[in-house]
Protein backbone atom coordinates (compact mmCIF):
# COMPACT_ATOMS: atom_id res chain seq x y z
CA MET A 1 6.73 13.63 14.99
CA ARG A 2 10.09 14.39 16.47
CA SER A 3 10.17 11.13 18.42
CA GLY A 4 12.66 9.69 15.94
CA ARG A 5 12.11 6.55 13.95
CA ARG A 6 9.52 4.81 16.08
CA VAL A 7 6.53 5.23 13.79
CA VAL A 8 8.62 4.22 10.81
CA ALA A 9 9.54 0.97 12.51
CA LEU A 10 5.93 0.29 13.34
CA LEU A 11 4.78 1.00 9.80
CA ALA A 12 7.47 -1.28 8.41
CA VAL A 13 6.51 -4.27 10.56
CA LEU A 14 2.79 -3.63 10.29
CA ALA A 15 2.03 -5.61 7.17
CA MET A 16 3.99 -8.60 8.42
CA LEU A 17 2.52 -8.46 11.94
CA VAL A 18 -1.07 -8.29 10.74
CA GLY A 19 -0.64 -10.30 7.59
CA GLY A 20 1.42 -13.17 8.91
CA CYS A 21 3.87 -15.06 6.74
CA ALA A 22 3.58 -15.58 3.01
CA TRP A 23 1.00 -18.00 1.73
CA GLY A 24 2.26 -21.28 0.38
CA GLY A 25 0.95 -21.39 -3.15
CA GLY A 26 -2.73 -20.51 -2.89
CA ARG A 27 -5.80 -21.53 -0.93
CA GLY A 28 -6.64 -25.07 -1.89
CA ALA A 29 -4.15 -25.04 -4.73
CA THR A 30 -3.44 -28.37 -6.37
CA PRO A 31 -0.96 -29.60 -8.93
CA SER A 32 -1.74 -28.69 -12.50
CA ASP A 33 -5.08 -30.02 -13.68
CA PRO A 34 -4.95 -31.68 -17.10
CA ALA A 35 -8.70 -31.22 -17.64
CA VAL A 36 -9.70 -29.40 -20.79
CA HIS A 37 -11.23 -25.95 -20.26
CA PRO A 38 -12.63 -23.58 -22.88
CA PRO A 39 -9.67 -21.51 -24.04
CA GLY A 40 -9.52 -17.88 -22.91
CA HIS A 41 -7.69 -15.08 -24.65
CA GLY A 42 -4.10 -16.20 -25.23
CA GLN A 43 -4.57 -19.33 -23.11
CA GLY A 44 -4.20 -22.94 -24.07
CA ARG A 45 -6.23 -26.03 -23.26
CA ASN A 46 -4.45 -26.73 -19.96
CA PRO A 47 -5.53 -24.07 -17.41
CA ALA A 48 -2.27 -24.52 -15.46
CA LEU A 49 -0.24 -23.29 -18.45
CA VAL A 50 -0.05 -19.73 -19.76
CA GLN A 51 2.09 -18.71 -22.69
CA THR A 52 3.54 -15.20 -22.33
CA ALA A 53 5.93 -13.34 -24.59
CA ALA A 54 8.79 -14.30 -22.23
CA GLY A 55 7.91 -18.00 -22.06
CA THR A 56 5.50 -20.57 -20.65
CA LEU A 57 4.36 -20.47 -17.02
CA ARG A 58 3.03 -23.43 -15.06
CA GLY A 59 0.85 -22.32 -12.17
CA THR A 60 -1.53 -24.02 -9.77
CA VAL A 61 -5.20 -24.76 -10.34
CA ALA A 62 -7.80 -25.11 -7.58
CA SER A 63 -11.48 -25.85 -7.90
CA ASP A 64 -12.41 -22.17 -8.05
CA HIS A 65 -9.28 -20.22 -9.05
CA ARG A 66 -5.82 -20.26 -10.62
CA LEU A 67 -2.58 -18.79 -9.30
CA PHE A 68 0.61 -17.92 -11.19
CA ALA A 69 3.19 -16.84 -8.61
CA GLY A 70 6.72 -15.49 -8.66
CA VAL A 71 6.40 -14.24 -12.25
CA PRO A 72 9.30 -11.92 -13.16
CA TYR A 73 8.15 -8.59 -14.57
CA ALA A 74 11.59 -6.94 -14.80
CA ALA A 75 15.25 -7.88 -14.90
CA ALA A 76 17.13 -8.49 -11.66
CA PRO A 77 18.18 -5.02 -10.34
CA VAL A 78 21.71 -6.12 -9.45
CA GLY A 79 25.21 -5.07 -10.39
CA PRO A 80 25.07 -2.04 -12.71
CA MET A 81 21.24 -2.20 -12.50
CA ARG A 82 21.30 -1.46 -8.76
CA PHE A 83 19.97 2.09 -8.27
CA ALA A 84 18.72 2.19 -11.86
CA ALA A 85 15.38 2.01 -13.60
CA PRO A 86 14.22 -1.59 -14.07
CA GLY A 87 14.99 -3.31 -17.35
CA PRO A 88 12.81 -5.84 -19.19
CA ALA A 89 12.63 -9.35 -17.80
CA PRO A 90 14.59 -11.94 -19.79
CA GLY A 91 12.77 -14.87 -21.34
CA TRP A 92 13.23 -18.52 -20.44
CA PRO A 93 13.13 -21.84 -22.27
CA GLY A 94 10.58 -24.54 -21.51
CA GLU A 95 8.09 -24.21 -18.65
CA ARG A 96 8.83 -21.92 -15.70
CA ASP A 97 7.49 -23.02 -12.33
CA ALA A 98 5.00 -20.40 -11.12
CA THR A 99 3.59 -22.16 -8.07
CA ARG A 100 5.42 -20.22 -5.34
CA PRO A 101 5.91 -16.49 -4.69
CA GLY A 102 9.35 -15.11 -5.44
CA PRO A 103 11.80 -13.76 -2.86
CA ARG A 104 10.81 -10.72 -0.86
CA CYS A 105 12.72 -7.54 -1.60
CA ILE A 106 15.48 -6.61 0.85
CA GLN A 107 14.00 -5.56 4.22
CA ASP A 108 15.37 -3.76 7.24
CA PRO A 109 16.50 -6.71 9.42
CA ASP A 110 15.62 -4.86 12.63
CA LEU A 111 12.00 -4.55 11.51
CA ASP A 112 11.54 -7.85 9.68
CA PRO A 113 9.71 -10.56 11.66
CA GLU A 114 11.18 -13.16 9.28
CA ARG A 115 14.69 -11.81 9.94
CA GLY A 116 15.74 -11.64 6.33
CA ALA A 117 14.47 -15.07 5.30
CA ASN A 118 13.57 -15.41 1.63
CA THR A 119 14.85 -11.96 0.68
CA ALA A 120 17.01 -11.06 -2.31
CA GLU A 121 17.86 -8.17 -4.58
CA ASP A 122 16.44 -10.22 -7.43
CA CYS A 123 12.87 -9.76 -6.22
CA LEU A 124 10.91 -8.04 -9.00
CA SER A 125 8.11 -10.54 -9.39
CA LEU A 126 4.35 -10.59 -9.19
CA ASN A 127 1.49 -13.02 -8.58
CA VAL A 128 -1.64 -13.37 -10.72
CA TRP A 129 -4.89 -14.69 -9.24
CA THR A 130 -7.70 -15.53 -11.64
CA PRO A 131 -11.13 -17.17 -11.50
CA PRO A 132 -11.46 -20.30 -13.66
CA VAL A 133 -10.70 -19.92 -17.37
CA SER A 134 -13.37 -18.09 -19.35
CA ASP A 135 -13.78 -16.78 -22.86
CA LYS A 136 -14.36 -13.27 -21.50
CA LEU A 137 -11.64 -10.88 -20.37
CA ARG A 138 -12.06 -9.84 -16.76
CA PRO A 139 -11.22 -6.46 -15.16
CA VAL A 140 -7.92 -6.33 -13.26
CA MET A 141 -6.87 -4.96 -9.87
CA VAL A 142 -3.12 -4.42 -9.33
CA TRP A 143 -2.35 -4.42 -5.59
CA ILE A 144 0.62 -2.48 -4.14
CA HIS A 145 1.50 -3.63 -0.62
CA GLY A 146 2.16 -1.38 2.36
CA GLY A 147 4.94 -1.48 4.93
CA ALA A 148 6.38 2.05 5.09
CA PHE A 149 8.37 1.45 1.87
CA ALA A 150 10.73 -0.53 4.09
CA GLY A 151 8.99 -3.89 4.52
CA GLY A 152 6.21 -6.16 3.31
CA SER A 153 5.75 -8.19 0.15
CA SER A 154 3.22 -9.36 -2.40
CA GLY A 155 3.13 -12.82 -0.82
CA ILE A 156 1.21 -11.67 2.27
CA TYR A 157 -2.00 -11.18 0.31
CA ASP A 158 -3.92 -14.31 -0.69
CA ALA A 159 -6.35 -12.85 -3.23
CA ALA A 160 -8.17 -16.04 -4.24
CA ARG A 161 -11.47 -15.11 -2.61
CA LEU A 162 -11.32 -11.54 -3.91
CA ALA A 163 -10.73 -12.80 -7.45
CA VAL A 164 -13.42 -15.49 -7.30
CA ARG A 165 -16.21 -13.60 -5.55
CA GLY A 166 -15.41 -10.39 -7.40
CA ASP A 167 -14.96 -12.15 -10.76
CA ILE A 168 -11.81 -10.12 -11.39
CA VAL A 169 -8.11 -10.81 -11.95
CA VAL A 170 -5.89 -9.68 -9.06
CA VAL A 171 -2.16 -8.99 -9.43
CA THR A 172 0.02 -8.49 -6.33
CA ILE A 173 3.50 -7.06 -6.87
CA ASN A 174 6.89 -6.76 -5.20
CA TYR A 175 8.95 -3.59 -5.59
CA ARG A 176 12.33 -2.44 -4.27
CA LEU A 177 12.21 -1.12 -0.70
CA GLY A 178 14.33 0.99 1.61
CA THR A 179 17.72 2.14 0.40
CA LEU A 180 17.70 -0.06 -2.69
CA GLY A 181 14.34 1.39 -3.70
CA PHE A 182 14.69 5.07 -2.86
CA LEU A 183 18.30 6.24 -2.31
CA ALA A 184 18.56 9.65 -3.99
CA HIS A 185 22.31 10.13 -4.01
CA PRO A 186 23.36 12.85 -6.51
CA ALA A 187 26.07 10.60 -7.98
CA LEU A 188 23.49 8.07 -9.16
CA GLY A 189 22.13 10.19 -12.00
CA SER A 190 20.82 13.58 -12.99
CA ALA A 191 18.96 15.49 -10.30
CA GLY A 192 15.53 14.64 -11.67
CA ASP A 193 16.19 10.91 -12.15
CA ILE A 194 17.63 9.80 -8.81
CA GLY A 195 15.63 7.91 -6.22
CA ASN A 196 12.18 6.42 -6.85
CA TYR A 197 13.52 3.10 -8.16
CA GLY A 198 10.80 1.30 -6.21
CA LEU A 199 8.15 3.49 -7.82
CA ALA A 200 9.70 2.85 -11.23
CA ASP A 201 9.40 -0.88 -10.44
CA GLN A 202 5.68 -0.40 -9.85
CA GLN A 203 5.36 1.33 -13.23
CA ALA A 204 7.22 -1.55 -14.86
CA ALA A 205 4.75 -3.97 -13.25
CA LEU A 206 1.84 -1.91 -14.58
CA ARG A 207 3.37 -2.02 -18.07
CA TRP A 208 3.79 -5.79 -17.71
CA VAL A 209 0.09 -6.03 -16.86
CA ARG A 210 -0.79 -3.92 -19.90
CA ASP A 211 1.27 -6.15 -22.17
CA ASN A 212 0.61 -9.61 -20.68
CA ILE A 213 -2.54 -9.77 -18.59
CA ALA A 214 -4.77 -10.79 -21.51
CA ASP A 215 -2.86 -14.10 -21.57
CA PHE A 216 -4.26 -14.74 -18.07
CA GLY A 217 -7.81 -13.73 -18.98
CA GLY A 218 -7.48 -10.13 -17.79
CA ASP A 219 -8.59 -7.04 -19.68
CA PRO A 220 -5.66 -4.63 -20.17
CA GLU A 221 -8.15 -1.82 -20.89
CA LYS A 222 -9.77 -2.21 -17.46
CA VAL A 223 -6.96 -1.96 -14.90
CA THR A 224 -7.40 -0.45 -11.42
CA VAL A 225 -4.32 0.33 -9.34
CA ALA A 226 -4.88 -0.11 -5.59
CA GLY A 227 -2.88 -0.03 -2.37
CA GLU A 228 -2.98 0.48 1.38
CA SER A 229 -0.72 2.64 3.58
CA ALA A 230 2.57 2.96 1.65
CA GLY A 231 0.78 1.20 -1.20
CA GLY A 232 -1.93 3.87 -1.11
CA MET A 233 0.72 6.59 -1.06
CA SER A 234 2.19 4.95 -4.16
CA VAL A 235 -1.20 5.20 -5.86
CA CYS A 236 -1.21 8.94 -5.09
CA ASP A 237 2.15 9.17 -6.84
CA HIS A 238 0.89 7.26 -9.87
CA LEU A 239 -2.00 9.71 -10.19
CA VAL A 240 0.50 12.54 -10.73
CA SER A 241 3.45 10.74 -12.37
CA PRO A 242 3.81 11.31 -16.14
CA GLY A 243 5.18 7.77 -16.51
CA SER A 244 1.99 6.24 -15.11
CA THR A 245 -0.43 7.98 -17.45
CA GLY A 246 -2.54 5.50 -19.39
CA LEU A 247 -1.52 2.47 -17.31
CA PHE A 248 -4.77 2.31 -15.30
CA ARG A 249 -8.31 3.59 -15.58
CA ALA A 250 -9.25 3.82 -11.87
CA ALA A 251 -7.50 4.06 -8.48
CA ILE A 252 -8.09 2.85 -4.91
CA LEU A 253 -6.32 4.63 -2.00
CA MET A 254 -6.65 2.96 1.40
CA SER A 255 -5.28 4.63 4.57
CA ALA A 256 -2.89 6.69 2.47
CA PRO A 257 -1.19 9.68 4.16
CA CYS A 258 -0.23 11.14 0.80
CA GLN A 259 1.14 14.33 2.35
CA ALA A 260 4.10 12.27 3.53
CA GLN A 261 6.45 12.76 0.59
CA ALA A 262 10.10 13.79 0.82
CA GLY A 263 11.37 16.61 -1.40
CA LEU A 264 14.45 16.22 -3.58
CA ALA A 265 16.67 18.52 -1.48
CA THR A 266 15.97 16.60 1.73
CA ALA A 267 16.36 13.25 0.01
CA THR A 268 19.71 14.07 -1.60
CA ARG A 269 21.13 15.44 1.64
CA ARG A 270 20.06 12.40 3.66
CA SER A 271 21.24 10.05 0.90
CA SER A 272 24.69 11.64 0.82
CA ASP A 273 24.97 11.25 4.58
CA TYR A 274 23.85 7.63 4.29
CA ALA A 275 26.44 6.87 1.60
CA ALA A 276 29.22 8.34 3.72
CA ALA A 277 28.12 6.24 6.69
CA VAL A 278 28.31 2.98 4.70
CA GLY A 279 31.76 3.80 3.34
CA CYS A 280 31.10 5.75 0.12
CA PRO A 281 31.81 9.40 1.03
CA ASP A 282 33.54 10.50 -2.21
CA LEU A 283 31.02 11.98 -4.63
CA VAL A 284 33.23 11.20 -7.65
CA VAL A 285 33.23 7.44 -7.06
CA ALA A 286 30.11 7.09 -4.90
CA ALA A 287 27.97 5.48 -7.60
CA THR A 288 30.55 2.75 -8.29
CA CYS A 289 31.14 2.30 -4.57
CA LEU A 290 27.42 1.96 -3.72
CA ARG A 291 26.81 -0.54 -6.51
CA ALA A 292 29.77 -2.66 -5.39
CA LEU A 293 28.81 -2.88 -1.72
CA PRO A 294 27.58 -6.22 -0.36
CA VAL A 295 23.82 -6.03 -0.08
CA ASP A 296 23.98 -6.57 3.68
CA ARG A 297 25.57 -3.12 3.98
CA LEU A 298 22.43 -1.62 2.42
CA ARG A 299 19.69 -3.41 4.35
CA LYS A 300 19.15 -0.48 6.72
CA PRO A 301 16.88 2.05 4.97
CA VAL A 302 17.78 5.63 4.25
CA TRP A 303 15.32 7.70 6.29
CA TYR A 304 13.48 10.73 4.96
CA PHE A 305 11.18 13.23 6.67
CA ASN A 306 7.59 12.06 6.80
CA ILE A 307 4.52 12.23 9.05
CA GLY A 308 5.06 15.04 11.52
CA SER A 309 8.79 14.93 12.21
CA ASP A 310 9.17 11.17 11.97
CA GLU A 311 11.44 9.77 9.33
CA LEU A 312 10.58 7.40 6.54
CA THR A 313 12.05 6.19 3.32
CA GLY A 314 9.98 6.39 0.17
CA PRO A 315 9.23 8.33 -3.01
CA VAL A 316 10.94 11.64 -3.73
CA THR A 317 8.99 14.57 -5.15
CA GLY A 318 10.38 17.32 -7.35
CA SER A 319 11.84 14.59 -9.56
CA ALA A 320 11.22 13.41 -13.09
CA LEU A 321 9.01 10.60 -11.84
CA ILE A 322 7.02 12.79 -9.40
CA PRO A 323 7.41 16.39 -10.56
CA GLN A 324 5.03 17.76 -7.92
CA ASP A 325 3.96 16.74 -4.44
CA PRO A 326 0.71 14.76 -4.86
CA LEU A 327 -1.41 16.92 -2.56
CA ALA A 328 -0.20 20.07 -4.30
CA ALA A 329 -1.02 18.46 -7.65
CA PHE A 330 -4.48 17.45 -6.43
CA GLY A 331 -5.10 21.00 -5.26
CA SER A 332 -4.26 22.39 -8.69
CA ASP A 333 -6.18 19.69 -10.61
CA ARG A 334 -3.01 18.15 -12.08
CA ALA A 335 -3.81 14.48 -11.48
CA ASP A 336 -5.04 11.88 -13.95
CA PRO A 337 -8.84 12.31 -14.08
CA VAL A 338 -9.70 8.68 -13.32
CA PRO A 339 -12.37 7.55 -10.84
CA VAL A 340 -11.05 7.21 -7.28
CA LEU A 341 -12.20 5.17 -4.28
CA LEU A 342 -10.50 6.30 -1.08
CA GLY A 343 -10.88 6.06 2.67
CA THR A 344 -9.47 5.39 6.11
CA THR A 345 -10.14 3.27 9.18
CA ARG A 346 -11.92 4.81 12.17
CA ASP A 347 -8.95 4.48 14.55
CA GLU A 348 -5.89 4.56 12.27
CA PHE A 349 -3.20 5.45 14.79
CA THR A 350 -4.15 3.23 17.73
CA LEU A 351 -2.13 0.38 16.27
CA PHE A 352 1.06 2.44 16.18
CA VAL A 353 0.64 3.49 19.81
CA ALA A 354 -0.09 -0.14 20.66
CA LEU A 355 3.09 -1.32 18.98
CA ARG A 356 5.12 1.29 20.81
CA TYR A 357 3.64 -0.10 24.00
CA LEU A 358 4.45 -3.69 23.04
CA ARG A 359 7.85 -3.19 21.44
CA HIS A 360 9.29 -0.52 23.70
CA GLY A 361 7.20 -0.73 26.85
CA GLN A 362 6.07 2.87 26.42
CA ARG A 363 3.26 3.58 28.85
CA TYR A 364 2.04 7.15 28.77
CA SER A 365 0.79 9.12 31.77
CA ALA A 366 -0.98 12.46 31.82
CA ALA A 367 2.37 14.09 32.47
CA ASP A 368 3.68 12.72 29.17
CA TYR A 369 0.86 14.17 27.06
CA PRO A 370 2.25 17.70 26.57
CA ARG A 371 5.60 16.25 25.51
CA LEU A 372 3.97 13.86 23.02
CA LEU A 373 1.96 16.68 21.50
CA SER A 374 5.00 18.95 21.32
CA GLU A 375 7.10 16.25 19.66
CA THR A 376 4.34 15.57 17.18
CA PHE A 377 2.72 18.93 16.47
CA GLY A 378 5.37 21.48 17.44
CA VAL A 379 3.99 25.00 17.90
CA ASP A 380 0.44 23.69 17.45
CA ALA A 381 0.69 21.35 20.46
CA ALA A 382 -1.35 23.50 22.83
CA ALA A 383 -4.15 23.96 20.31
CA VAL A 384 -4.23 20.22 19.60
CA GLY A 385 -4.30 19.44 23.32
CA ALA A 386 -7.26 21.71 23.82
CA HIS A 387 -9.19 19.92 21.07
CA TYR A 388 -8.15 16.44 22.27
CA PRO A 389 -8.34 16.50 26.08
CA ILE A 390 -7.44 13.28 27.84
CA ASP A 391 -10.67 13.00 29.78
CA ARG A 392 -12.77 13.07 26.60
CA TYR A 393 -11.00 10.03 25.17
CA GLY A 394 -10.45 7.95 28.30
CA GLY A 395 -6.66 8.06 28.48
CA VAL A 396 -3.46 9.45 27.01
CA ALA A 397 -3.03 6.64 24.47
CA GLN A 398 -6.58 7.12 23.17
CA ALA A 399 -6.38 10.93 23.04
CA TYR A 400 -3.00 10.91 21.32
CA SER A 401 -4.17 8.25 18.86
CA ALA A 402 -7.29 10.25 18.03
CA ALA A 403 -5.28 13.40 17.37
CA VAL A 404 -2.84 11.73 14.97
CA THR A 405 -5.61 9.67 13.35
CA ASP A 406 -7.48 12.87 12.55
CA GLY A 407 -4.55 15.10 11.64
CA ALA A 408 -2.44 12.67 9.60
CA PHE A 409 -5.04 10.32 8.10
CA ALA A 410 -8.75 11.19 8.32
CA CYS A 411 -8.62 14.86 7.44
CA VAL A 412 -5.99 14.26 4.76
CA SER A 413 -8.44 11.79 3.21
CA GLU A 414 -11.23 14.38 3.48
CA ARG A 415 -9.04 16.99 1.80
CA MET A 416 -8.06 14.62 -1.01
CA ALA A 417 -11.67 13.59 -1.57
CA GLY A 418 -12.72 17.21 -1.87
CA GLU A 419 -9.94 18.21 -4.25
CA LEU A 420 -10.06 15.12 -6.47
CA SER A 421 -13.85 15.20 -6.75
CA ARG A 422 -13.68 18.49 -8.65
CA THR A 423 -12.48 16.66 -11.76
CA ARG A 424 -13.54 13.02 -11.44
CA PRO A 425 -15.94 10.72 -9.58
CA VAL A 426 -14.75 10.05 -6.02
CA TYR A 427 -16.24 7.49 -3.63
CA ALA A 428 -15.16 7.88 0.00
CA TYR A 429 -15.46 5.42 2.89
CA GLU A 430 -14.56 4.82 6.51
CA PHE A 431 -13.94 1.29 7.78
CA ASN A 432 -15.76 1.40 11.10
CA ASP A 433 -15.80 -2.12 12.54
CA ARG A 434 -14.29 -1.28 15.92
CA SER A 435 -14.38 -4.97 16.87
CA ALA A 436 -12.32 -6.05 13.86
CA PRO A 437 -10.19 -9.14 14.66
CA ALA A 438 -6.64 -8.23 15.60
CA PRO A 439 -3.58 -10.40 16.25
CA GLU A 440 -3.54 -11.87 19.74
CA VAL A 441 -0.66 -9.66 20.85
CA LEU A 442 -2.86 -6.61 20.27
CA ARG A 443 -5.62 -8.00 22.46
CA THR A 444 -3.52 -7.76 25.65
CA LEU A 445 -3.38 -3.96 25.81
CA PRO A 446 -4.87 -1.65 28.46
CA PHE A 447 -6.72 0.22 25.68
CA PRO A 448 -8.64 -0.96 22.59
CA VAL A 449 -7.17 -0.64 19.10
CA GLY A 450 -10.64 -0.49 17.54
CA ALA A 451 -10.80 -0.17 13.76
CA SER A 452 -7.09 0.49 13.42
CA HIS A 453 -4.69 0.82 10.52
CA SER A 454 -4.55 -2.32 8.34
CA LEU A 455 -7.28 -4.28 10.12
CA GLU A 456 -9.61 -3.92 7.14
CA LEU A 457 -7.22 -5.87 4.91
CA ARG A 458 -8.42 -9.28 6.10
CA TYR A 459 -11.91 -8.31 4.93
CA LEU A 460 -10.56 -8.23 1.34
CA PHE A 461 -7.69 -10.74 1.44
CA ASP A 462 -7.03 -14.01 3.24
CA VAL A 463 -4.26 -13.11 5.69
CA GLY A 464 -3.11 -14.81 8.85
CA GLY A 465 -2.36 -13.64 12.36
CA ALA A 466 -5.84 -12.89 13.69
CA PRO A 467 -8.99 -14.76 14.77
CA PRO A 468 -11.59 -15.66 12.15
CA LEU A 469 -14.33 -13.21 11.28
CA ALA A 470 -17.61 -13.46 13.14
CA PRO A 471 -20.71 -14.08 10.97
CA ALA A 472 -21.64 -10.39 10.82
CA GLN A 473 -18.03 -9.51 9.97
CA GLN A 474 -18.01 -12.16 7.25
CA ARG A 475 -21.08 -10.48 5.75
CA LEU A 476 -19.21 -7.15 5.87
CA SER A 477 -16.25 -8.83 4.17
CA ASP A 478 -18.54 -10.11 1.40
CA GLN A 479 -20.03 -6.65 1.05
CA MET A 480 -16.61 -4.96 0.85
CA ILE A 481 -15.41 -7.41 -1.80
CA ASP A 482 -18.59 -6.73 -3.75
CA TYR A 483 -18.09 -2.96 -3.50
CA TRP A 484 -14.39 -3.06 -4.36
CA SER A 485 -14.82 -5.43 -7.30
CA ALA A 486 -17.78 -3.42 -8.63
CA PHE A 487 -15.50 -0.37 -8.63
CA VAL A 488 -12.81 -2.37 -10.45
CA ARG A 489 -15.36 -3.46 -13.06
CA THR A 490 -17.09 -0.11 -13.66
CA GLY A 491 -15.41 2.74 -11.77
CA ASN A 492 -18.47 2.90 -9.50
CA PRO A 493 -18.99 0.79 -6.33
CA ALA A 494 -22.73 0.34 -6.97
CA VAL A 495 -23.93 -3.16 -5.99
CA ASP A 496 -27.47 -4.46 -6.42
CA GLY A 497 -29.10 -5.18 -3.08
CA GLN A 498 -26.52 -3.22 -1.06
CA PRO A 499 -26.79 0.32 0.35
CA GLY A 500 -26.21 2.91 -2.36
CA TRP A 501 -22.82 4.60 -2.24
CA PRO A 502 -23.04 8.23 -3.35
CA GLY A 503 -20.23 10.07 -5.03
CA PHE A 504 -18.37 12.53 -2.81
CA ASP A 505 -19.78 16.04 -3.15
CA PRO A 506 -17.39 18.71 -1.81
CA GLY A 507 -20.15 21.29 -2.01
CA GLY A 508 -22.60 19.07 -0.14
CA ASP A 509 -22.44 17.25 3.16
CA GLY A 510 -19.31 15.19 2.39
CA ALA A 511 -21.17 11.91 2.72
CA ARG A 512 -19.11 8.71 2.66
CA MET A 513 -19.88 5.06 3.19
CA SER A 514 -19.42 3.87 6.78
CA LEU A 515 -18.51 0.17 6.57
CA GLN A 516 -19.88 -1.55 9.67
CA ALA A 517 -20.54 -5.14 10.67
CA ASP A 518 -23.99 -4.25 11.99
CA GLY A 519 -24.94 -2.69 8.68
CA SER A 520 -23.06 -0.31 6.40
CA ARG A 521 -24.65 3.08 5.85
CA VAL A 522 -24.00 6.49 4.32
CA ASP A 523 -22.64 8.90 6.93
CA SER A 524 -22.35 12.68 6.68
CA GLY A 525 -20.59 13.21 10.02
CA TYR A 526 -17.03 12.15 9.13
CA ALA A 527 -15.48 15.63 8.91
CA ARG A 528 -17.16 16.73 12.12
CA GLU A 529 -16.25 13.53 13.99
CA HIS A 530 -12.59 13.89 13.03
CA GLN A 531 -12.49 17.66 13.64
CA CYS A 532 -11.40 18.43 10.09
CA PRO A 533 -12.30 22.16 10.24
CA PHE A 534 -9.82 22.47 13.11
CA TRP A 535 -7.06 20.76 11.13
CA ALA A 536 -7.81 22.84 8.03
CA GLY A 537 -7.40 25.96 10.16
CA LEU A 538 -3.99 24.80 11.41
CA ARG A 539 -2.88 24.08 7.83
CA GLU A 540 -3.88 27.56 6.69
CA LYS A 541 -2.03 29.37 9.51
């Protein structure tokens, strides 16, 4: 999308807008409970204390769950460690307070609703949510937050209900964002090793889980990596990254436009331009210069090419960490053969158009439609316009949203499901509650946002910023938690008493689960509804 950086800005604020501010230590959390519980693996008699290899953590204990927050999983990436792979976290003496989430990683101040509050370079921490102590080891879900690789944090996602109802351990992680996470300047290392520091952070967090999660009652042999939006794109990268092999046994990709990866040549060129703009133009001394800059000089992200012609920071392909673009790797069966659960929301892109309307006052008329399509789809604009006429969708905003939803999200998900299912079980879904609660600001628009990007997250996590769920939506939330946690436990989302969820069959009718408040059901019309044959034809031109 040649409209500049608008979508990037919207993606970056999305998690914060929908998720609200960070939770304050856990739902119903109380000071440490001295009551004696049966000891779990590597745990002592006090459930608020966990002994790890690095030292003792004191978390919070509620009636139905425990939380250990702000746990460092890697060394502070500062000084000579800026723009470098993460090092091991240092130990500590005595008890470390683990009752509050750690600082958020550095965010773009123009896109950050909290305007830089509680941000720091020393941000590589995670949060562990567990049910009450048990003698058994529970399966683990590691959650990677979204936010366009430029915003968001682990602290948005209160996972207490997911952990308790699902009887799983949930880990939410921070990772370096923007320039500090993904600058691919050629002076920072060999060509294959530059950039991707944020993705390397995620791998370090997964290794921490492997090495430490048993101390919290989690099973290191049963780890599922999961994420939404940029987090889902990260999961795509982990499926093809050599450094991630063996760190998880299943994967969940939610609303993940995994085609949106920058190549090394583009990333190095943009990174060199960025360095010159912040005062480090000389290649010989650029690495020293960039590491010595005050962090405020690096808050603005380096932008790479992404969805359409829009720009986005993020992982760099053709590198040591991601040797091949994920979709190309999926197409050639070069991804880890672990079970995958993946899907999209029914109306992904309406939220981005809504935020353009709210943030920039952009109101589109019929006369604007050809320009929007040209900016977004280039030489294919006329063909897209013919397949997405305004009168069929009730307005320019709706028609444009439908086109980008289908071309950049839905049919990418359909393609990934088909390619991945050749070598592993794949379970596909569409979140289709078009009355999903949205923040109040999104309920003042002249068009509905429907089941838009990110609105399914409150059905899995406790997040703020929107009205409570209606009773039927609460039942859908319970059902989704049951499906997701069943997949984490077994690699299959089968749940007794719930509609059966078939594996995706690329040679069949492409059936996927349609998650709806009035009753979830298996649906075979997804590819037809989203005009995926049309988009496949454009891709093959």
